[in-house]
Amino acid sequence: MLNARKPARRISVVASMSAGLLLSSAVGATADEPPSGGAEQCYPNVICVDVNSGGTTTTPGGSKPGGGGGSGTGPQLCSYHDVPWACHDPQLGWFSSDKGCYFRPLDNPPAAGDPAWGGHDPKDGSLYTKVCPQTDGGLGGAEVVFEPTSPDGQNVNAEATAIQTAYDRVRFRPPVGRAAPQKTAVVNAPVWLWADDAALPAPGNASVAGISVTVTPRLVKADWSFGDHLQTSCTTPGTPYVPAYGDAKSPDCGYEFRTSSAREKNGVFSATVTMHWEAAVVVTGGPNPRKFTIPGINQSSKPFELKVAEMQVLN
């Protein structure tokens, strides 16, 4: 679930380099007043979600971190001094958990020998714009810095890259909502509900520059909606119905309608199911081994039609 952001001010980030290279980037700034306890803070262009224990959402910069976060956006994957931050921002770059700043490689770095390199050889590292979030809700000034390449070829974003890579390897699929009876259900009679393509995804693993990350998903709940004020929740994807079950109730995910769909558009309920996932992240190695949870990973089905009729009693 996205948190609302209050508009604050606009900041121009400008760094000048002696070779006449001018880097100018207008950054839209928004900030929240810190909630009680100060557990969550969001800053310019950083997509935030409700935090359960330091964790999306989404992918920083998108729906799942990386591609599969459904309707949620940008779970926070990195932290600095126990404050969670989105690992990636489309304008600021990647967040470094050991430095507490965002780093973005220069798109057009100057030639070797330019004073911007500070005497370093380009083959030993790269030039980045560095921007550090401040605890008062603003941004520090942008500066161009040289960051060396580690022996295994990774840059300053090794931890963020490992977390992002492990998360991207978890395949959250959009569910497909199903119900039985398939054609017409009856008021006050059991309806079975289940979601295809909603099996528990396999964990994702990645290792970068001596930092290992495991991301293990779990289902929080499945929310079913049939229109205004007609909802139910289940803690499993539900059990597919087979004729051998007869008129029994679903063992884990069912519903009984108290009203027919006669007054709905086309005489049917428009049903959807939303799977709510979270993921446990374990980071080992590196300067900041820890565990945290990525909440708010949501995947919704396309609507499907469900007709519910009144029981007709014949004399």
Protein backbone atom coordinates (compact mmCIF):
# COMPACT_ATOMS: atom_id res chain seq x y z
CA MET A 1 0.00 0.00 0.00
CA LEU A 2 1.46 3.32 -0.97
CA ASN A 3 1.91 5.98 1.64
CA ALA A 4 0.65 9.44 0.73
CA ARG A 5 3.42 11.98 0.27
CA LYS A 6 3.19 15.68 1.11
CA PRO A 7 4.65 18.03 -1.51
CA ALA A 8 7.50 19.98 -0.04
CA ARG A 9 9.89 21.73 -2.36
CA ARG A 10 11.98 21.23 -5.48
CA ILE A 11 15.73 20.98 -5.32
CA SER A 12 18.19 21.39 -8.18
CA VAL A 13 21.14 19.10 -7.87
CA VAL A 14 24.15 20.57 -9.64
CA ALA A 15 27.71 19.37 -9.73
CA SER A 16 30.37 21.15 -11.79
CA MET A 17 33.44 19.47 -13.20
CA SER A 18 36.56 21.32 -14.31
CA ALA A 19 36.52 19.99 -17.87
CA GLY A 20 33.43 22.04 -18.50
CA LEU A 21 31.12 19.10 -17.84
CA LEU A 22 27.99 20.27 -16.09
CA LEU A 23 25.70 17.76 -14.43
CA SER A 24 22.28 19.19 -13.68
CA SER A 25 19.32 17.21 -12.40
CA ALA A 26 16.05 18.60 -11.10
CA VAL A 27 14.82 16.39 -8.29
CA GLY A 28 11.23 16.61 -7.04
CA ALA A 29 11.30 16.51 -3.26
CA THR A 30 8.62 15.13 -1.02
CA ALA A 31 8.85 14.26 2.64
CA ASP A 32 6.77 12.87 5.44
CA GLU A 33 6.83 14.07 8.95
CA PRO A 34 8.41 11.18 10.82
CA PRO A 35 5.75 8.89 12.29
CA SER A 36 5.82 8.13 15.98
CA GLY A 37 8.97 6.19 16.67
CA GLY A 38 10.56 7.45 13.46
CA ALA A 39 10.56 3.95 11.99
CA GLU A 40 9.81 4.99 8.43
CA GLN A 41 11.09 7.92 6.43
CA CYS A 42 10.66 8.58 2.72
CA TYR A 43 12.54 11.08 0.66
CA PRO A 44 12.57 12.45 -2.90
CA ASN A 45 11.81 9.89 -5.58
CA VAL A 46 12.08 7.01 -3.12
CA ILE A 47 9.02 4.78 -3.34
CA CYS A 48 7.96 3.63 0.12
CA VAL A 49 5.44 1.21 1.54
CA ASP A 50 4.24 0.39 5.03
CA VAL A 51 7.12 -1.20 6.90
CA ASN A 52 6.60 -4.22 9.15
CA SER A 53 10.15 -4.93 10.17
CA GLY A 54 12.57 -2.89 8.18
CA GLY A 55 11.49 -4.01 4.75
CA THR A 56 8.68 -3.62 -1.36
CA THR A 57 7.99 -3.24 -1.86
CA THR A 58 8.64 -3.25 -5.88
CA THR A 59 10.46 -2.89 -6.42
CA PRO A 60 12.21 0.22 -5.91
CA GLY A 61 11.24 2.20 -8.92
CA GLY A 62 8.44 -0.15 -9.95
CA SER A 63 5.89 -2.69 -8.98
CA LYS A 64 7.81 -5.49 -7.38
CA PRO A 65 11.36 -4.66 -6.78
CA GLY A 66 12.23 -5.74 -10.20
CA GLY A 67 9.35 -6.98 -12.19
CA GLY A 68 6.70 -8.78 -10.22
CA GLY A 69 5.20 -6.77 -7.47
CA GLY A 70 1.66 -6.52 -8.75
CA SER A 71 -0.37 -3.62 -7.51
CA GLY A 72 2.04 -2.76 -4.70
CA THR A 73 5.05 -0.58 -5.30
CA GLY A 74 8.64 -0.53 -4.23
CA PRO A 75 9.31 -2.55 -1.13
CA GLN A 76 12.27 -1.12 0.77
CA LEU A 77 15.20 -3.45 0.58
CA CYS A 78 18.14 -1.56 2.09
CA SER A 79 18.79 0.20 5.38
CA TYR A 80 21.24 2.57 7.06
CA HIS A 81 21.43 2.87 10.85
CA ASP A 82 18.26 0.74 11.03
CA VAL A 83 16.29 3.14 8.80
CA PRO A 84 14.91 1.41 5.68
CA TRP A 85 15.43 2.88 2.22
CA ALA A 86 14.47 1.86 -1.28
CA CYS A 87 17.48 0.17 -2.83
CA HIS A 88 17.01 1.93 -6.13
CA ASP A 89 15.69 5.28 -7.23
CA PRO A 90 15.31 6.05 -10.95
CA GLN A 91 17.04 9.43 -10.62
CA LEU A 92 19.38 9.00 -7.68
CA GLY A 93 20.67 5.51 -8.45
CA TRP A 94 21.46 2.66 -6.05
CA PHE A 95 21.52 2.97 -2.27
CA SER A 96 24.67 1.87 -0.44
CA SER A 97 23.82 0.47 2.99
CA ASP A 98 27.35 0.92 4.33
CA LYS A 99 27.64 4.55 3.17
CA GLY A 100 24.00 5.67 3.57
CA CYS A 101 23.93 7.42 0.18
CA TYR A 102 22.67 6.95 -3.35
CA PHE A 103 25.22 6.44 -6.13
CA ARG A 104 24.54 6.83 -9.86
CA PRO A 105 27.25 6.19 -12.47
CA LEU A 106 27.90 9.18 -14.72
CA ASP A 107 26.32 8.62 -18.12
CA ASN A 108 29.16 10.42 -19.92
CA PRO A 109 32.26 10.44 -17.72
CA PRO A 110 35.14 12.67 -18.81
CA ALA A 111 38.23 11.28 -20.43
CA ALA A 112 41.10 9.84 -18.43
CA GLY A 113 43.30 12.56 -16.99
CA ASP A 114 40.45 14.97 -16.36
CA PRO A 115 40.71 16.53 -12.86
CA ALA A 116 37.34 14.96 -12.01
CA TRP A 117 39.11 11.61 -11.74
CA GLY A 118 41.27 12.97 -8.92
CA GLY A 119 44.32 11.26 -10.30
CA HIS A 120 42.64 7.83 -10.53
CA ASP A 121 42.79 5.60 -13.57
CA PRO A 122 39.33 4.84 -15.09
CA LYS A 123 40.20 1.15 -15.25
CA ASP A 124 40.36 1.09 -11.43
CA GLY A 125 36.84 2.36 -10.82
CA SER A 126 34.07 4.71 -11.90
CA LEU A 127 32.73 8.22 -11.33
CA TYR A 128 29.35 8.52 -9.60
CA THR A 129 27.01 11.24 -8.50
CA LYS A 130 26.57 10.80 -4.76
CA VAL A 131 23.46 12.08 -2.96
CA CYS A 132 22.80 11.37 0.71
CA PRO A 133 19.31 11.50 2.28
CA GLN A 134 19.15 13.62 5.43
CA THR A 135 17.24 12.82 8.61
CA ASP A 136 15.34 16.11 8.34
CA GLY A 137 13.67 14.94 5.14
CA GLY A 138 15.90 16.67 2.60
CA LEU A 139 18.80 15.68 0.41
CA GLY A 140 22.45 16.46 0.77
CA GLY A 141 24.12 18.21 -2.14
CA ALA A 142 25.16 16.12 -5.10
CA GLU A 143 28.86 15.54 -5.62
CA VAL A 144 30.86 13.62 -8.17
CA VAL A 145 33.03 10.98 -6.51
CA PHE A 146 35.38 8.22 -7.59
CA GLU A 147 34.59 4.75 -6.29
CA PRO A 148 37.04 1.91 -6.82
CA THR A 149 36.02 -1.40 -8.32
CA SER A 150 36.38 -4.35 -5.93
CA PRO A 151 38.67 -7.27 -6.88
CA ASP A 152 35.72 -9.34 -8.14
CA GLY A 153 34.46 -6.53 -10.38
CA GLN A 154 31.59 -5.25 -8.21
CA ASN A 155 31.01 -1.61 -7.37
CA VAL A 156 29.77 0.11 -4.22
CA ASN A 157 26.29 -1.34 -4.72
CA ALA A 158 27.20 -4.96 -4.03
CA GLU A 159 24.69 -5.43 -1.19
CA ALA A 160 21.84 -3.68 -3.00
CA THR A 161 22.60 -5.68 -6.14
CA ALA A 162 22.58 -8.97 -4.20
CA ILE A 163 19.25 -8.20 -2.54
CA GLN A 164 17.67 -7.03 -5.78
CA THR A 165 18.95 -10.07 -7.70
CA ALA A 166 17.67 -12.53 -5.09
CA TYR A 167 14.29 -10.79 -5.02
CA ASP A 168 14.01 -10.79 -8.81
CA ARG A 169 14.47 -14.57 -8.75
CA VAL A 170 11.27 -14.99 -6.73
CA ARG A 171 8.49 -15.46 -9.28
CA PHE A 172 5.23 -13.95 -8.04
CA ARG A 173 2.59 -14.78 -10.65
CA PRO A 174 -0.75 -13.01 -11.10
CA PRO A 175 -3.41 -15.39 -9.75
CA VAL A 176 -6.33 -16.69 -11.77
CA GLY A 177 -9.57 -16.63 -9.78
CA ARG A 178 -11.79 -19.73 -9.83
CA ALA A 179 -15.11 -20.60 -8.25
CA ALA A 180 -17.48 -23.57 -8.11
CA PRO A 181 -20.27 -23.96 -9.08
CA GLN A 182 -18.84 -22.58 -12.33
CA LYS A 183 -22.06 -21.49 -14.05
CA THR A 184 -24.59 -20.50 -11.41
CA ALA A 185 -24.22 -20.54 -7.64
CA VAL A 186 -27.19 -20.43 -5.27
CA VAL A 187 -27.89 -18.06 -2.38
CA ASN A 188 -27.04 -19.62 1.04
CA ALA A 189 -25.25 -22.57 -0.61
CA PRO A 190 -21.47 -23.24 -0.38
CA VAL A 191 -19.27 -21.69 -3.05
CA TRP A 192 -15.70 -22.94 -3.39
CA LEU A 193 -13.01 -20.35 -4.13
CA TRP A 194 -9.44 -20.97 -5.23
CA ALA A 195 -6.65 -19.28 -7.19
CA ASP A 196 -4.61 -20.91 -9.92
CA ASP A 197 -0.97 -19.82 -10.42
CA ALA A 198 -0.79 -18.95 -6.72
CA ALA A 199 1.54 -21.67 -5.44
CA LEU A 200 4.20 -20.58 -2.97
CA PRO A 201 7.14 -19.28 -5.05
CA ALA A 202 10.55 -20.84 -4.54
CA PRO A 203 13.07 -18.76 -2.55
CA GLY A 204 15.51 -16.54 -4.42
CA ASN A 205 19.25 -16.61 -3.74
CA ALA A 206 22.16 -14.45 -4.86
CA SER A 207 25.78 -13.81 -3.90
CA VAL A 208 27.70 -10.68 -4.84
CA ALA A 209 31.17 -9.71 -3.62
CA GLY A 210 31.00 -12.02 -0.59
CA ILE A 211 27.48 -10.93 0.38
CA SER A 212 24.85 -13.70 0.24
CA VAL A 213 21.11 -13.06 0.26
CA THR A 214 18.14 -15.40 0.54
CA VAL A 215 14.60 -14.13 -0.07
CA THR A 216 11.86 -16.51 1.13
CA PRO A 217 8.22 -15.63 0.30
CA ARG A 218 5.09 -16.52 2.24
CA LEU A 219 1.40 -15.90 1.68
CA VAL A 220 -0.19 -13.51 4.17
CA LYS A 221 -3.77 -13.80 2.88
CA ALA A 222 -5.97 -13.94 -0.20
CA ASP A 223 -8.69 -11.28 -0.45
CA TRP A 224 -11.74 -12.06 -2.57
CA SER A 225 -14.07 -9.29 -3.72
CA PHE A 226 -17.45 -9.64 -5.43
CA GLY A 227 -18.45 -5.99 -5.41
CA ASP A 228 -19.49 -3.47 -2.77
CA HIS A 229 -19.53 -4.94 0.75
CA LEU A 230 -19.15 -8.51 -0.50
CA GLN A 231 -15.69 -9.71 0.47
CA THR A 232 -13.99 -12.59 2.20
CA SER A 233 -10.38 -13.48 3.07
CA CYS A 234 -8.54 -16.78 3.17
CA THR A 235 -5.13 -17.76 4.47
CA THR A 236 -4.46 -20.17 1.60
CA PRO A 237 -4.95 -20.03 -2.18
CA GLY A 238 -7.94 -22.35 -1.68
CA THR A 239 -8.69 -25.94 -2.71
CA PRO A 240 -9.81 -26.66 -6.30
CA TYR A 241 -13.26 -28.22 -6.43
CA VAL A 242 -13.82 -31.67 -7.95
CA PRO A 243 -17.22 -33.37 -8.35
CA ALA A 244 -16.35 -35.98 -5.73
CA TYR A 245 -16.73 -33.28 -3.06
CA GLY A 246 -20.46 -33.06 -3.76
CA ASP A 247 -22.19 -30.31 -1.78
CA ALA A 248 -19.53 -30.13 0.96
CA LYS A 249 -18.04 -26.81 1.99
CA SER A 250 -14.50 -25.87 1.00
CA PRO A 251 -12.05 -26.87 3.75
CA ASP A 252 -10.07 -23.64 3.54
CA CYS A 253 -11.63 -20.99 1.28
CA GLY A 254 -15.36 -20.71 0.68
CA TYR A 255 -18.23 -18.25 0.73
CA GLU A 256 -22.02 -18.26 0.98
CA PHE A 257 -23.88 -15.44 -0.76
CA ARG A 258 -26.84 -13.92 1.09
CA THR A 259 -28.10 -12.13 -2.00
CA SER A 260 -28.34 -12.94 -5.68
CA SER A 261 -26.51 -11.17 -8.48
CA ALA A 262 -29.76 -10.26 -10.25
CA ARG A 263 -29.33 -6.53 -9.64
CA GLU A 264 -25.69 -6.44 -10.72
CA LYS A 265 -24.57 -5.38 -14.18
CA ASN A 266 -25.37 -8.19 -16.63
CA GLY A 267 -26.79 -10.15 -13.71
CA VAL A 268 -23.40 -11.32 -12.45
CA PHE A 269 -20.90 -10.43 -9.75
CA SER A 270 -17.50 -9.23 -10.98
CA ALA A 271 -15.08 -11.20 -8.81
CA THR A 272 -11.36 -10.71 -8.20
CA VAL A 273 -8.77 -12.22 -5.89
CA THR A 274 -5.69 -10.42 -4.58
CA MET A 275 -2.82 -12.44 -3.14
CA HIS A 276 -0.91 -10.61 -0.41
CA TRP A 277 2.65 -11.84 -0.04
CA GLU A 278 5.61 -10.89 2.08
CA ALA A 279 9.22 -12.04 1.90
CA ALA A 280 11.78 -12.76 4.60
CA VAL A 281 15.24 -11.50 3.65
CA VAL A 282 18.43 -12.88 5.19
CA VAL A 283 21.68 -11.04 4.42
CA THR A 284 24.97 -12.72 5.41
CA GLY A 285 28.53 -11.58 4.84
CA GLY A 286 29.55 -8.00 4.22
CA PRO A 287 29.45 -5.17 6.74
CA ASN A 288 25.73 -5.38 7.58
CA PRO A 289 24.42 -8.95 8.07
CA ARG A 290 20.77 -8.87 9.11
CA LYS A 291 17.22 -10.14 8.66
CA PHE A 292 14.17 -8.12 7.65
CA THR A 293 10.80 -8.48 5.95
CA ILE A 294 9.55 -7.04 2.67
CA PRO A 295 5.80 -6.45 3.11
CA GLY A 296 3.06 -5.39 0.73
CA ILE A 297 3.76 -7.59 -2.29
CA ASN A 298 0.36 -7.83 -3.97
CA GLN A 299 -0.81 -9.66 -7.07
CA SER A 300 -4.39 -9.31 -8.34
CA SER A 301 -6.33 -11.44 -10.78
CA LYS A 302 -8.31 -10.26 -13.76
CA PRO A 303 -12.04 -9.98 -12.97
CA PHE A 304 -14.17 -13.02 -13.65
CA GLU A 305 -17.96 -13.38 -13.65
CA LEU A 306 -19.94 -15.25 -11.02
CA LYS A 307 -23.72 -15.64 -11.26
CA VAL A 308 -25.67 -16.24 -8.04
CA ALA A 309 -29.36 -17.08 -8.17
CA GLU A 310 -32.17 -17.41 -5.63
CA MET A 311 -33.32 -20.96 -4.91
CA GLN A 312 -36.62 -21.70 -6.68
CA VAL A 313 -38.99 -23.86 -4.65
CA LEU A 314 -41.66 -25.77 -6.58
CA ASN A 315 -44.93 -26.79 -4.93
